[in-house]
């Protein structure tokens, strides 16, 4: 039996669980695996600020300085966008 597609609340919970798994891998110093998790989240939600930041940490630990900087620039861009929306 096929049910209704997952709603936004279920999708959010799944994304949170996925992010938490990525953080666990990061703490275990499994930077490549964690990076793949965060990239997957970002592919689904390009404005996932915390996942961009965590991906930047992964890239820095993997000595991928340019990629780490690009991630941090994305975090700044997302924050600026959020601030612009909240001011209006």
C-alpha atoms as a PDB file:
ATOM      1  CA  UNK A   1       0.000   0.000   0.000  1.00  0.00           C
ATOM      2  CA  UNK A   2       1.311   3.400  -0.979  1.00  0.00           C
ATOM      3  CA  UNK A   3       0.547   6.317   1.291  1.00  0.00           C
ATOM      4  CA  UNK A   4       0.762  10.034   0.932  1.00  0.00           C
ATOM      5  CA  UNK A   5       4.177  11.567   0.360  1.00  0.00           C
ATOM      6  CA  UNK A   6       6.053  12.671   3.462  1.00  0.00           C
ATOM      7  CA  UNK A   7       5.043  16.095   4.691  1.00  0.00           C
ATOM      8  CA  UNK A   8       7.395  18.982   5.432  1.00  0.00           C
ATOM      9  CA  UNK A   9       7.568  18.147   9.138  1.00  0.00           C
ATOM     10  CA  UNK A  10       8.713  14.580   8.442  1.00  0.00           C
ATOM     11  CA  UNK A  11      11.231  15.808   5.869  1.00  0.00           C
ATOM     12  CA  UNK A  12      12.604  18.296   8.433  1.00  0.00           C
ATOM     13  CA  UNK A  13      12.991  15.533  11.039  1.00  0.00           C
ATOM     14  CA  UNK A  14      14.794  13.330   8.519  1.00  0.00           C
ATOM     15  CA  UNK A  15      17.114  16.205   7.554  1.00  0.00           C
ATOM     16  CA  UNK A  16      17.831  16.887  11.247  1.00  0.00           C
ATOM     17  CA  UNK A  17      18.628  13.214  11.831  1.00  0.00           C
ATOM     18  CA  UNK A  18      20.899  13.180   8.792  1.00  0.00           C
ATOM     19  CA  UNK A  19      22.673  16.352  10.007  1.00  0.00           C
ATOM     20  CA  UNK A  20      23.145  14.824  13.470  1.00  0.00           C
ATOM     21  CA  UNK A  21      24.657  11.708  11.891  1.00  0.00           C
ATOM     22  CA  UNK A  22      27.060  13.935   9.969  1.00  0.00           C
ATOM     23  CA  UNK A  23      28.051  15.678  13.220  1.00  0.00           C
ATOM     24  CA  UNK A  24      28.658  12.291  14.836  1.00  0.00           C
ATOM     25  CA  UNK A  25      30.938  11.289  11.968  1.00  0.00           C
ATOM     26  CA  UNK A  26      32.704  14.651  12.243  1.00  0.00           C
ATOM     27  CA  UNK A  27      33.364  14.058  15.956  1.00  0.00           C
ATOM     28  CA  UNK A  28      34.732  10.618  15.054  1.00  0.00           C
ATOM     29  CA  UNK A  29      37.129  12.392  12.650  1.00  0.00           C
ATOM     30  CA  UNK A  30      35.542  10.631   9.674  1.00  0.00           C
ATOM     31  CA  UNK A  31      35.693  13.831   7.650  1.00  0.00           C
ATOM     32  CA  UNK A  32      35.107  12.343   4.204  1.00  0.00           C
ATOM     33  CA  UNK A  33      32.030  10.417   5.339  1.00  0.00           C
ATOM     34  CA  UNK A  34      30.679  13.413   7.231  1.00  0.00           C
ATOM     35  CA  UNK A  35      31.301  15.635   4.219  1.00  0.00           C
ATOM     36  CA  UNK A  36      29.242  13.336   2.020  1.00  0.00           C
ATOM     37  CA  UNK A  37      26.343  13.575   4.482  1.00  0.00           C
ATOM     38  CA  UNK A  38      26.492  17.366   4.574  1.00  0.00           C
ATOM     39  CA  UNK A  39      26.754  17.562   0.778  1.00  0.00           C
ATOM     40  CA  UNK A  40      23.633  15.403   0.508  1.00  0.00           C
ATOM     41  CA  UNK A  41      21.743  17.731   2.843  1.00  0.00           C
ATOM     42  CA  UNK A  42      22.902  20.792   0.893  1.00  0.00           C
ATOM     43  CA  UNK A  43      21.821  19.218  -2.390  1.00  0.00           C
ATOM     44  CA  UNK A  44      18.304  18.876  -0.956  1.00  0.00           C
ATOM     45  CA  UNK A  45      18.313  22.225   0.882  1.00  0.00           C
ATOM     46  CA  UNK A  46      20.816  24.739  -0.545  1.00  0.00           C
ATOM     47  CA  UNK A  47      20.247  27.181   2.342  1.00  0.00           C
ATOM     48  CA  UNK A  48      21.100  24.668   5.088  1.00  0.00           C
ATOM     49  CA  UNK A  49      23.416  27.057   6.919  1.00  0.00           C
ATOM     50  CA  UNK A  50      24.575  24.634   9.626  1.00  0.00           C
ATOM     51  CA  UNK A  51      25.351  21.943   7.070  1.00  0.00           C
ATOM     52  CA  UNK A  52      27.405  24.409   5.006  1.00  0.00           C
ATOM     53  CA  UNK A  53      29.350  25.345   8.143  1.00  0.00           C
ATOM     54  CA  UNK A  54      29.942  21.708   9.073  1.00  0.00           C
ATOM     55  CA  UNK A  55      31.008  20.885   5.512  1.00  0.00           C
ATOM     56  CA  UNK A  56      33.526  23.713   5.784  1.00  0.00           C
ATOM     57  CA  UNK A  57      34.971  22.125   8.921  1.00  0.00           C
ATOM     58  CA  UNK A  58      35.246  18.795   7.083  1.00  0.00           C
ATOM     59  CA  UNK A  59      36.999  20.427   4.152  1.00  0.00           C
ATOM     60  CA  UNK A  60      39.440  22.261   6.447  1.00  0.00           C
ATOM     61  CA  UNK A  61      40.325  19.008   8.205  1.00  0.00           C
ATOM     62  CA  UNK A  62      40.854  17.355   4.823  1.00  0.00           C
ATOM     63  CA  UNK A  63      43.270  20.200   3.940  1.00  0.00           C
ATOM     64  CA  UNK A  64      40.880  21.454   1.232  1.00  0.00           C
ATOM     65  CA  UNK A  65      41.323  25.114   2.116  1.00  0.00           C
ATOM     66  CA  UNK A  66      39.616  26.562  -0.980  1.00  0.00           C
ATOM     67  CA  UNK A  67      36.582  24.338  -0.483  1.00  0.00           C
ATOM     68  CA  UNK A  68      36.460  25.243   3.219  1.00  0.00           C
ATOM     69  CA  UNK A  69      36.562  28.939   2.362  1.00  0.00           C
ATOM     70  CA  UNK A  70      33.812  28.514  -0.242  1.00  0.00           C
ATOM     71  CA  UNK A  71      31.626  26.841   2.391  1.00  0.00           C
ATOM     72  CA  UNK A  72      32.188  29.662   4.862  1.00  0.00           C
ATOM     73  CA  UNK A  73      31.384  32.245   2.194  1.00  0.00           C
ATOM     74  CA  UNK A  74      28.116  30.420   1.591  1.00  0.00           C
ATOM     75  CA  UNK A  75      27.326  30.571   5.312  1.00  0.00           C
ATOM     76  CA  UNK A  76      27.887  34.349   5.285  1.00  0.00           C
ATOM     77  CA  UNK A  77      25.682  34.684   2.193  1.00  0.00           C
ATOM     78  CA  UNK A  78      22.855  32.671   3.798  1.00  0.00           C
ATOM     79  CA  UNK A  79      23.073  34.678   7.026  1.00  0.00           C
ATOM     80  CA  UNK A  80      22.954  37.953   5.105  1.00  0.00           C
ATOM     81  CA  UNK A  81      19.930  36.712   3.163  1.00  0.00           C
ATOM     82  CA  UNK A  82      18.156  35.745   6.412  1.00  0.00           C
ATOM     83  CA  UNK A  83      18.918  39.141   7.938  1.00  0.00           C
ATOM     84  CA  UNK A  84      17.519  40.931   4.884  1.00  0.00           C
ATOM     85  CA  UNK A  85      14.291  38.919   5.115  1.00  0.00           C
ATOM     86  CA  UNK A  86      13.894  39.509   8.837  1.00  0.00           C
ATOM     87  CA  UNK A  87      14.403  43.296   8.533  1.00  0.00           C
ATOM     88  CA  UNK A  88      11.640  43.791   5.972  1.00  0.00           C
END
